[in-house]
Full PDB file with SEQRES, HELIX, SHEET, SSBOND, CRYST1, ORIGX, SCALE, CONECT and MASTER records, all heavy atoms in Angstrom:
SEQRES   1 A   33  SER PRO PRO GLU CYS LYS VAL VAL ARG CYS PRO PHE PRO          
SEQRES   2 A   33  GLU VAL GLU ASN GLY LYS GLN LEU SER GLY PHE GLY LYS          
SEQRES   3 A   33  LYS PHE SER TYR LYS ALA THR                                  
CRYST1    1.000    1.000    1.000  90.00  90.00  90.00 P 1           1          
ORIGX1      1.000000  0.000000  0.000000        0.00000                         
ORIGX2      0.000000  1.000000  0.000000        0.00000                         
ORIGX3      0.000000  0.000000  1.000000        0.00000                         
SCALE1      1.000000  0.000000  0.000000        0.00000                         
SCALE2      0.000000  1.000000  0.000000        0.00000                         
SCALE3      0.000000  0.000000  1.000000        0.00000                         
ATOM      1  N   SER A   1       2.262 157.882-148.068  1.00  0.00           N  
ATOM      2  CA  SER A   1       1.136 157.567-147.182  1.00  0.00           C  
ATOM      3  C   SER A   1       0.066 158.647-147.307  1.00  0.00           C  
ATOM      4  O   SER A   1       0.363 159.803-147.627  1.00  0.00           O  
ATOM      5  CB  SER A   1       1.625 157.485-145.735  1.00  0.00           C  
ATOM      6  OG  SER A   1       2.623 156.490-145.604  1.00  0.00           O  
ATOM      7  N   PRO A   2      -1.176 158.324-147.041  1.00  0.00           N  
ATOM      8  CA  PRO A   2      -2.235 159.335-147.159  1.00  0.00           C  
ATOM      9  C   PRO A   2      -2.115 160.382-146.062  1.00  0.00           C  
ATOM     10  O   PRO A   2      -1.582 160.119-144.979  1.00  0.00           O  
ATOM     11  CB  PRO A   2      -3.513 158.505-147.009  1.00  0.00           C  
ATOM     12  CG  PRO A   2      -3.099 157.307-146.221  1.00  0.00           C  
ATOM     13  CD  PRO A   2      -1.703 157.003-146.639  1.00  0.00           C  
ATOM     14  N   PRO A   3      -2.603 161.595-146.310  1.00  0.00           N  
ATOM     15  CA  PRO A   3      -2.568 162.636-145.275  1.00  0.00           C  
ATOM     16  C   PRO A   3      -3.663 162.408-144.234  1.00  0.00           C  
ATOM     17  O   PRO A   3      -4.410 161.419-144.295  1.00  0.00           O  
ATOM     18  CB  PRO A   3      -2.804 163.920-146.076  1.00  0.00           C  
ATOM     19  CG  PRO A   3      -3.653 163.469-147.225  1.00  0.00           C  
ATOM     20  CD  PRO A   3      -3.206 162.079-147.555  1.00  0.00           C  
ATOM     21  N   GLU A   4      -3.749 163.351-143.275  1.00  0.00           N  
ATOM     22  CA  GLU A   4      -4.805 163.291-142.269  1.00  0.00           C  
ATOM     23  C   GLU A   4      -5.394 164.683-142.072  1.00  0.00           C  
ATOM     24  O   GLU A   4      -4.730 165.697-142.315  1.00  0.00           O  
ATOM     25  CB  GLU A   4      -4.262 162.753-140.950  1.00  0.00           C  
ATOM     26  CG  GLU A   4      -3.159 163.579-140.332  1.00  0.00           C  
ATOM     27  CD  GLU A   4      -2.737 163.056-138.983  1.00  0.00           C  
ATOM     28  OE1 GLU A   4      -3.602 162.480-138.289  1.00  0.00           O  
ATOM     29  OE2 GLU A   4      -1.563 163.217-138.606  1.00  0.00           O  
ATOM     30  N   CYS A   5      -6.637 164.705-141.645  1.00  0.00           N  
ATOM     31  CA  CYS A   5      -7.334 165.959-141.384  1.00  0.00           C  
ATOM     32  C   CYS A   5      -7.412 166.168-139.872  1.00  0.00           C  
ATOM     33  O   CYS A   5      -7.957 165.325-139.151  1.00  0.00           O  
ATOM     34  CB  CYS A   5      -8.731 165.949-142.000  1.00  0.00           C  
ATOM     35  SG  CYS A   5      -8.724 165.927-143.812  1.00  0.00           S  
ATOM     36  N   LYS A   6      -6.876 167.272-139.388  1.00  0.00           N  
ATOM     37  CA  LYS A   6      -6.864 167.549-137.960  1.00  0.00           C  
ATOM     38  C   LYS A   6      -6.920 169.058-137.734  1.00  0.00           C  
ATOM     39  O   LYS A   6      -6.613 169.851-138.627  1.00  0.00           O  
ATOM     40  CB  LYS A   6      -5.631 166.959-137.304  1.00  0.00           C  
ATOM     41  CG  LYS A   6      -4.332 167.484-137.888  1.00  0.00           C  
ATOM     42  CD  LYS A   6      -3.102 166.781-137.313  1.00  0.00           C  
ATOM     43  CE  LYS A   6      -2.946 167.012-135.848  1.00  0.00           C  
ATOM     44  NZ  LYS A   6      -1.675 166.474-135.315  1.00  0.00           N  
ATOM     45  N   VAL A   7      -7.300 169.415-136.511  1.00  0.00           N  
ATOM     46  CA  VAL A   7      -7.354 170.834-136.143  1.00  0.00           C  
ATOM     47  C   VAL A   7      -5.956 171.247-135.684  1.00  0.00           C  
ATOM     48  O   VAL A   7      -5.383 170.668-134.761  1.00  0.00           O  
ATOM     49  CB  VAL A   7      -8.380 171.080-135.021  1.00  0.00           C  
ATOM     50  CG1 VAL A   7      -8.340 172.548-134.579  1.00  0.00           C  
ATOM     51  CG2 VAL A   7      -9.777 170.696-135.489  1.00  0.00           C  
ATOM     52  N   VAL A   8      -5.404 172.252-136.350  1.00  0.00           N  
ATOM     53  CA  VAL A   8      -4.089 172.788-136.002  1.00  0.00           C  
ATOM     54  C   VAL A   8      -4.263 174.265-135.680  1.00  0.00           C  
ATOM     55  O   VAL A   8      -4.751 175.036-136.516  1.00  0.00           O  
ATOM     56  CB  VAL A   8      -3.078 172.600-137.150  1.00  0.00           C  
ATOM     57  CG1 VAL A   8      -1.740 173.226-136.779  1.00  0.00           C  
ATOM     58  CG2 VAL A   8      -2.911 171.134-137.478  1.00  0.00           C  
ATOM     59  N   ARG A   9      -3.911 174.649-134.473  1.00  0.00           N  
ATOM     60  CA  ARG A   9      -4.034 176.045-134.057  1.00  0.00           C  
ATOM     61  C   ARG A   9      -2.818 176.420-133.219  1.00  0.00           C  
ATOM     62  O   ARG A   9      -2.606 175.893-132.130  1.00  0.00           O  
ATOM     63  CB  ARG A   9      -5.314 176.251-133.235  1.00  0.00           C  
ATOM     64  CG  ARG A   9      -5.591 177.702-132.909  1.00  0.00           C  
ATOM     65  CD  ARG A   9      -6.061 178.480-134.132  1.00  0.00           C  
ATOM     66  NE  ARG A   9      -7.330 177.984-134.621  1.00  0.00           N  
ATOM     67  CZ  ARG A   9      -7.597 177.765-135.903  1.00  0.00           C  
ATOM     68  NH1 ARG A   9      -6.655 177.980-136.807  1.00  0.00           N  
ATOM     69  NH2 ARG A   9      -8.769 177.334-136.300  1.00  0.00           N  
ATOM     70  N   CYS A  10      -1.979 177.307-133.745  1.00  0.00           N  
ATOM     71  CA  CYS A  10      -0.791 177.764-133.032  1.00  0.00           C  
ATOM     72  C   CYS A  10      -1.125 178.996-132.195  1.00  0.00           C  
ATOM     73  O   CYS A  10      -1.999 179.788-132.564  1.00  0.00           O  
ATOM     74  CB  CYS A  10       0.336 178.098-134.024  1.00  0.00           C  
ATOM     75  SG  CYS A  10       1.119 176.653-134.751  1.00  0.00           S  
ATOM     76  N   PRO A  11      -0.446 179.180-131.054  1.00  0.00           N  
ATOM     77  CA  PRO A  11      -0.708 180.349-130.217  1.00  0.00           C  
ATOM     78  C   PRO A  11      -0.309 181.637-130.922  1.00  0.00           C  
ATOM     79  O   PRO A  11       0.473 181.634-131.870  1.00  0.00           O  
ATOM     80  CB  PRO A  11       0.162 180.096-128.987  1.00  0.00           C  
ATOM     81  CG  PRO A  11       1.235 179.182-129.460  1.00  0.00           C  
ATOM     82  CD  PRO A  11       0.616 178.316-130.502  1.00  0.00           C  
ATOM     83  N   PHE A  12      -0.861 182.747-130.439  1.00  0.00           N  
ATOM     84  CA  PHE A  12      -0.561 184.039-131.051  1.00  0.00           C  
ATOM     85  C   PHE A  12       0.933 184.328-130.919  1.00  0.00           C  
ATOM     86  O   PHE A  12       1.498 184.270-129.830  1.00  0.00           O  
ATOM     87  CB  PHE A  12      -1.373 185.148-130.377  1.00  0.00           C  
ATOM     88  CG  PHE A  12      -1.248 186.478-131.078  1.00  0.00           C  
ATOM     89  CD1 PHE A  12      -2.042 186.768-132.167  1.00  0.00           C  
ATOM     90  CD2 PHE A  12      -0.314 187.413-130.657  1.00  0.00           C  
ATOM     91  CE1 PHE A  12      -1.931 187.982-132.827  1.00  0.00           C  
ATOM     92  CE2 PHE A  12      -0.192 188.627-131.302  1.00  0.00           C  
ATOM     93  CZ  PHE A  12      -1.001 188.919-132.391  1.00  0.00           C  
ATOM     94  N   PRO A  13       1.595 184.644-132.028  1.00  0.00           N  
ATOM     95  CA  PRO A  13       3.042 184.858-131.978  1.00  0.00           C  
ATOM     96  C   PRO A  13       3.384 186.249-131.440  1.00  0.00           C  
ATOM     97  O   PRO A  13       3.157 187.253-132.106  1.00  0.00           O  
ATOM     98  CB  PRO A  13       3.467 184.706-133.442  1.00  0.00           C  
ATOM     99  CG  PRO A  13       2.269 185.114-134.216  1.00  0.00           C  
ATOM    100  CD  PRO A  13       1.061 184.724-133.402  1.00  0.00           C  
ATOM    101  N   GLU A  14       3.936 186.308-130.260  1.00  0.00           N  
ATOM    102  CA  GLU A  14       4.283 187.584-129.646  1.00  0.00           C  
ATOM    103  C   GLU A  14       5.735 187.532-129.187  1.00  0.00           C  
ATOM    104  O   GLU A  14       6.136 186.626-128.453  1.00  0.00           O  
ATOM    105  CB  GLU A  14       3.363 187.870-128.460  1.00  0.00           C  
ATOM    106  CG  GLU A  14       3.580 189.245-127.854  1.00  0.00           C  
ATOM    107  CD  GLU A  14       2.560 189.542-126.759  1.00  0.00           C  
ATOM    108  OE1 GLU A  14       1.714 188.657-126.478  1.00  0.00           O  
ATOM    109  OE2 GLU A  14       2.602 190.640-126.194  1.00  0.00           O  
ATOM    110  N   VAL A  15       6.514 188.496-129.638  1.00  0.00           N  
ATOM    111  CA  VAL A  15       7.932 188.581-129.291  1.00  0.00           C  
ATOM    112  C   VAL A  15       8.163 189.904-128.580  1.00  0.00           C  
ATOM    113  O   VAL A  15       7.896 190.971-129.137  1.00  0.00           O  
ATOM    114  CB  VAL A  15       8.823 188.474-130.552  1.00  0.00           C  
ATOM    115  CG1 VAL A  15      10.290 188.676-130.192  1.00  0.00           C  
ATOM    116  CG2 VAL A  15       8.630 187.125-131.232  1.00  0.00           C  
ATOM    117  N   GLU A  16       8.632 189.822-127.352  1.00  0.00           N  
ATOM    118  CA  GLU A  16       8.898 191.031-126.568  1.00  0.00           C  
ATOM    119  C   GLU A  16      10.041 191.828-127.206  1.00  0.00           C  
ATOM    120  O   GLU A  16      11.054 191.262-127.615  1.00  0.00           O  
ATOM    121  CB  GLU A  16       9.251 190.647-125.139  1.00  0.00           C  
ATOM    122  CG  GLU A  16       9.375 191.843-124.199  1.00  0.00           C  
ATOM    123  CD  GLU A  16       9.658 191.420-122.764  1.00  0.00           C  
ATOM    124  OE1 GLU A  16       9.736 190.197-122.530  1.00  0.00           O  
ATOM    125  OE2 GLU A  16       9.789 192.297-121.910  1.00  0.00           O  
ATOM    126  N   ASN A  17       9.845 193.140-127.299  1.00  0.00           N  
ATOM    127  CA  ASN A  17      10.800 194.068-127.916  1.00  0.00           C  
ATOM    128  C   ASN A  17      10.987 193.769-129.400  1.00  0.00           C  
ATOM    129  O   ASN A  17      12.030 194.082-129.982  1.00  0.00           O  
ATOM    130  CB  ASN A  17      12.158 194.018-127.207  1.00  0.00           C  
ATOM    131  CG  ASN A  17      12.074 194.421-125.750  1.00  0.00           C  
ATOM    132  OD1 ASN A  17      11.390 195.392-125.412  1.00  0.00           O  
ATOM    133  ND2 ASN A  17      12.739 193.672-124.874  1.00  0.00           N  
ATOM    134  N   GLY A  18       9.983 193.162-130.010  1.00  0.00           N  
ATOM    135  CA  GLY A  18      10.011 192.881-131.436  1.00  0.00           C  
ATOM    136  C   GLY A  18       8.680 193.236-132.066  1.00  0.00           C  
ATOM    137  O   GLY A  18       7.690 193.525-131.374  1.00  0.00           O  
ATOM    138  N   LYS A  19       8.649 193.214-133.389  1.00  0.00           N  
ATOM    139  CA  LYS A  19       7.413 193.512-134.096  1.00  0.00           C  
ATOM    140  C   LYS A  19       7.267 192.564-135.285  1.00  0.00           C  
ATOM    141  O   LYS A  19       8.247 192.032-135.811  1.00  0.00           O  
ATOM    142  CB  LYS A  19       7.389 194.964-134.566  1.00  0.00           C  
ATOM    143  CG  LYS A  19       8.523 195.367-135.471  1.00  0.00           C  
ATOM    144  CD  LYS A  19       8.434 196.850-135.818  1.00  0.00           C  
ATOM    145  CE  LYS A  19       9.599 197.282-136.710  1.00  0.00           C  
ATOM    146  NZ  LYS A  19       9.500 198.730-137.053  1.00  0.00           N  
ATOM    147  N   GLN A  20       6.030 192.376-135.691  1.00  0.00           N  
ATOM    148  CA  GLN A  20       5.690 191.445-136.761  1.00  0.00           C  
ATOM    149  C   GLN A  20       5.721 192.174-138.093  1.00  0.00           C  
ATOM    150  O   GLN A  20       5.171 193.272-138.232  1.00  0.00           O  
ATOM    151  CB  GLN A  20       4.305 190.852-136.493  1.00  0.00           C  
ATOM    152  CG  GLN A  20       3.937 189.676-137.367  1.00  0.00           C  
ATOM    153  CD  GLN A  20       2.621 189.040-136.917  1.00  0.00           C  
ATOM    154  OE1 GLN A  20       2.259 189.130-135.753  1.00  0.00           O  
ATOM    155  NE2 GLN A  20       1.923 188.422-137.853  1.00  0.00           N  
ATOM    156  N   LEU A  21       6.382 191.560-139.093  1.00  0.00           N  
ATOM    157  CA  LEU A  21       6.475 192.170-140.419  1.00  0.00           C  
ATOM    158  C   LEU A  21       5.452 191.618-141.402  1.00  0.00           C  
ATOM    159  O   LEU A  21       4.952 192.350-142.254  1.00  0.00           O  
ATOM    160  CB  LEU A  21       7.886 191.961-140.992  1.00  0.00           C  
ATOM    161  CG  LEU A  21       9.038 192.648-140.250  1.00  0.00           C  
ATOM    162  CD1 LEU A  21      10.355 192.348-140.953  1.00  0.00           C  
ATOM    163  CD2 LEU A  21       8.815 194.149-140.160  1.00  0.00           C  
ATOM    164  N   SER A  22       5.150 190.328-141.297  1.00  0.00           N  
ATOM    165  CA  SER A  22       4.187 189.705-142.211  1.00  0.00           C  
ATOM    166  C   SER A  22       3.516 188.537-141.517  1.00  0.00           C  
ATOM    167  O   SER A  22       3.953 188.093-140.457  1.00  0.00           O  
ATOM    168  CB  SER A  22       4.892 189.230-143.497  1.00  0.00           C  
ATOM    169  OG  SER A  22       5.828 188.219-143.201  1.00  0.00           O  
ATOM    170  N   GLY A  23       2.453 188.029-142.143  1.00  0.00           N  
ATOM    171  CA  GLY A  23       1.707 186.918-141.573  1.00  0.00           C  
ATOM    172  C   GLY A  23       0.701 187.354-140.518  1.00  0.00           C  
ATOM    173  O   GLY A  23       0.447 186.615-139.559  1.00  0.00           O  
ATOM    174  N   PHE A  24       0.135 188.549-140.681  1.00  0.00           N  
ATOM    175  CA  PHE A  24      -0.814 189.046-139.692  1.00  0.00           C  
ATOM    176  C   PHE A  24      -2.111 188.229-139.732  1.00  0.00           C  
ATOM    177  O   PHE A  24      -2.532 187.748-140.785  1.00  0.00           O  
ATOM    178  CB  PHE A  24      -1.126 190.521-139.955  1.00  0.00           C  
ATOM    179  CG  PHE A  24       0.093 191.405-139.878  1.00  0.00           C  
ATOM    180  CD1 PHE A  24       0.793 191.745-141.032  1.00  0.00           C  
ATOM    181  CD2 PHE A  24       0.546 191.878-138.657  1.00  0.00           C  
ATOM    182  CE1 PHE A  24       1.914 192.558-140.975  1.00  0.00           C  
ATOM    183  CE2 PHE A  24       1.675 192.698-138.591  1.00  0.00           C  
ATOM    184  CZ  PHE A  24       2.353 193.027-139.745  1.00  0.00           C  
ATOM    185  N   GLY A  25      -2.730 188.092-138.602  1.00  0.00           N  
ATOM    186  CA  GLY A  25      -4.003 187.386-138.520  1.00  0.00           C  
ATOM    187  C   GLY A  25      -4.434 187.202-137.076  1.00  0.00           C  
ATOM    188  O   GLY A  25      -3.661 187.413-136.137  1.00  0.00           O  
ATOM    189  N   LYS A  26      -5.670 186.792-136.921  1.00  0.00           N  
ATOM    190  CA  LYS A  26      -6.198 186.520-135.592  1.00  0.00           C  
ATOM    191  C   LYS A  26      -6.021 185.052-135.208  1.00  0.00           C  
ATOM    192  O   LYS A  26      -5.879 184.721-134.040  1.00  0.00           O  
ATOM    193  CB  LYS A  26      -7.685 186.898-135.534  1.00  0.00           C  
ATOM    194  CG  LYS A  26      -7.952 188.389-135.730  1.00  0.00           C  
ATOM    195  CD  LYS A  26      -9.429 188.689-135.634  1.00  0.00           C  
ATOM    196  CE  LYS A  26      -9.706 190.184-135.813  1.00  0.00           C  
ATOM    197  NZ  LYS A  26     -11.159 190.477-135.730  1.00  0.00           N  
ATOM    198  N   LYS A  27      -6.077 184.174-136.238  1.00  0.00           N  
ATOM    199  CA  LYS A  27      -5.882 182.748-136.008  1.00  0.00           C  
ATOM    200  C   LYS A  27      -4.751 182.257-136.904  1.00  0.00           C  
ATOM    201  O   LYS A  27      -4.583 182.722-138.032  1.00  0.00           O  
ATOM    202  CB  LYS A  27      -7.168 181.963-136.313  1.00  0.00           C  
ATOM    203  CG  LYS A  27      -8.327 182.306-135.392  1.00  0.00           C  
ATOM    204  CD  LYS A  27      -9.558 181.477-135.743  1.00  0.00           C  
ATOM    205  CE  LYS A  27     -10.728 181.799-134.820  1.00  0.00           C  
ATOM    206  NZ  LYS A  27     -11.917 180.987-135.150  1.00  0.00           N  
ATOM    207  N   PHE A  28      -4.009 181.297-136.385  1.00  0.00           N  
ATOM    208  CA  PHE A  28      -2.860 180.782-137.121  1.00  0.00           C  
ATOM    209  C   PHE A  28      -2.987 179.269-137.214  1.00  0.00           C  
ATOM    210  O   PHE A  28      -2.854 178.556-136.220  1.00  0.00           O  
ATOM    211  CB  PHE A  28      -1.555 181.178-136.421  1.00  0.00           C  
ATOM    212  CG  PHE A  28      -1.357 182.664-136.332  1.00  0.00           C  
ATOM    213  CD1 PHE A  28      -1.860 183.376-135.255  1.00  0.00           C  
ATOM    214  CD2 PHE A  28      -0.709 183.353-137.341  1.00  0.00           C  
ATOM    215  CE1 PHE A  28      -1.692 184.750-135.178  1.00  0.00           C  
ATOM    216  CE2 PHE A  28      -0.527 184.720-137.268  1.00  0.00           C  
ATOM    217  CZ  PHE A  28      -1.030 185.428-136.181  1.00  0.00           C  
ATOM    218  N   SER A  29      -3.295 178.795-138.431  1.00  0.00           N  
ATOM    219  CA  SER A  29      -3.498 177.373-138.655  1.00  0.00           C  
ATOM    220  C   SER A  29      -2.240 176.759-139.272  1.00  0.00           C  
ATOM    221  O   SER A  29      -1.181 177.379-139.312  1.00  0.00           O  
ATOM    222  CB  SER A  29      -4.712 177.152-139.559  1.00  0.00           C  
ATOM    223  OG  SER A  29      -4.548 177.844-140.792  1.00  0.00           O  
ATOM    224  N   TYR A  30      -2.380 175.547-139.799  1.00  0.00           N  
ATOM    225  CA  TYR A  30      -1.258 174.768-140.315  1.00  0.00           C  
ATOM    226  C   TYR A  30      -0.542 175.511-141.446  1.00  0.00           C  
ATOM    227  O   TYR A  30      -1.167 176.060-142.351  1.00  0.00           O  
ATOM    228  CB  TYR A  30      -1.778 173.420-140.809  1.00  0.00           C  
ATOM    229  CG  TYR A  30      -0.732 172.484-141.337  1.00  0.00           C  
ATOM    230  CD1 TYR A  30       0.349 172.109-140.561  1.00  0.00           C  
ATOM    231  CD2 TYR A  30      -0.833 171.948-142.624  1.00  0.00           C  
ATOM    232  CE1 TYR A  30       1.310 171.228-141.037  1.00  0.00           C  
ATOM    233  CE2 TYR A  30       0.112 171.064-143.108  1.00  0.00           C  
ATOM    234  CZ  TYR A  30       1.185 170.713-142.309  1.00  0.00           C  
ATOM    235  OH  TYR A  30       2.126 169.847-142.793  1.00  0.00           O  
ATOM    236  N   LYS A  31       0.788 175.552-141.351  1.00  0.00           N  
ATOM    237  CA  LYS A  31       1.686 176.171-142.319  1.00  0.00           C  
ATOM    238  C   LYS A  31       1.583 177.689-142.377  1.00  0.00           C  
ATOM    239  O   LYS A  31       2.105 178.315-143.326  1.00  0.00           O  
ATOM    240  CB  LYS A  31       1.478 175.586-143.723  1.00  0.00           C  
ATOM    241  CG  LYS A  31       1.958 174.144-143.855  1.00  0.00           C  
ATOM    242  CD  LYS A  31       1.904 173.674-145.295  1.00  0.00           C  
ATOM    243  CE  LYS A  31       2.456 172.250-145.422  1.00  0.00           C  
ATOM    244  NZ  LYS A  31       2.442 171.757-146.812  1.00  0.00           N  
ATOM    245  N   ALA A  32       0.934 178.318-141.393  1.00  0.00           N  
ATOM    246  CA  ALA A  32       0.932 179.781-141.326  1.00  0.00           C  
ATOM    247  C   ALA A  32       2.356 180.264-141.052  1.00  0.00           C  
ATOM    248  O   ALA A  32       3.057 179.715-140.202  1.00  0.00           O  
ATOM    249  CB  ALA A  32      -0.022 180.257-140.237  1.00  0.00           C  
ATOM    250  N   THR A  33       2.781 181.293-141.763  1.00  0.00           N  
ATOM    251  CA  THR A  33       4.158 181.782-141.673  1.00  0.00           C  
ATOM    252  C   THR A  33       4.169 183.222-141.183  1.00  0.00           C  
ATOM    253  O   THR A  33       3.396 184.059-141.677  1.00  0.00           O  
ATOM    254  CB  THR A  33       4.854 181.691-143.037  1.00  0.00           C  
ATOM    255  OG1 THR A  33       4.792 180.341-143.507  1.00  0.00           O  
ATOM    256  CG2 THR A  33       6.314 182.114-142.937  1.00  0.00           C  
TER     257      THR A  33                                                      
MASTER        0    0    0    0    0    0    0    6  256    1    0    3          
END                                                                             
């Protein structure tokens, strides 16, 4: 089937007592890891 174009925006990933190793950014769109 054909794909679709849409706005995808995930909330800022924050884990208490944890830290981020990769995937830094201000905005997180589709397939951001």
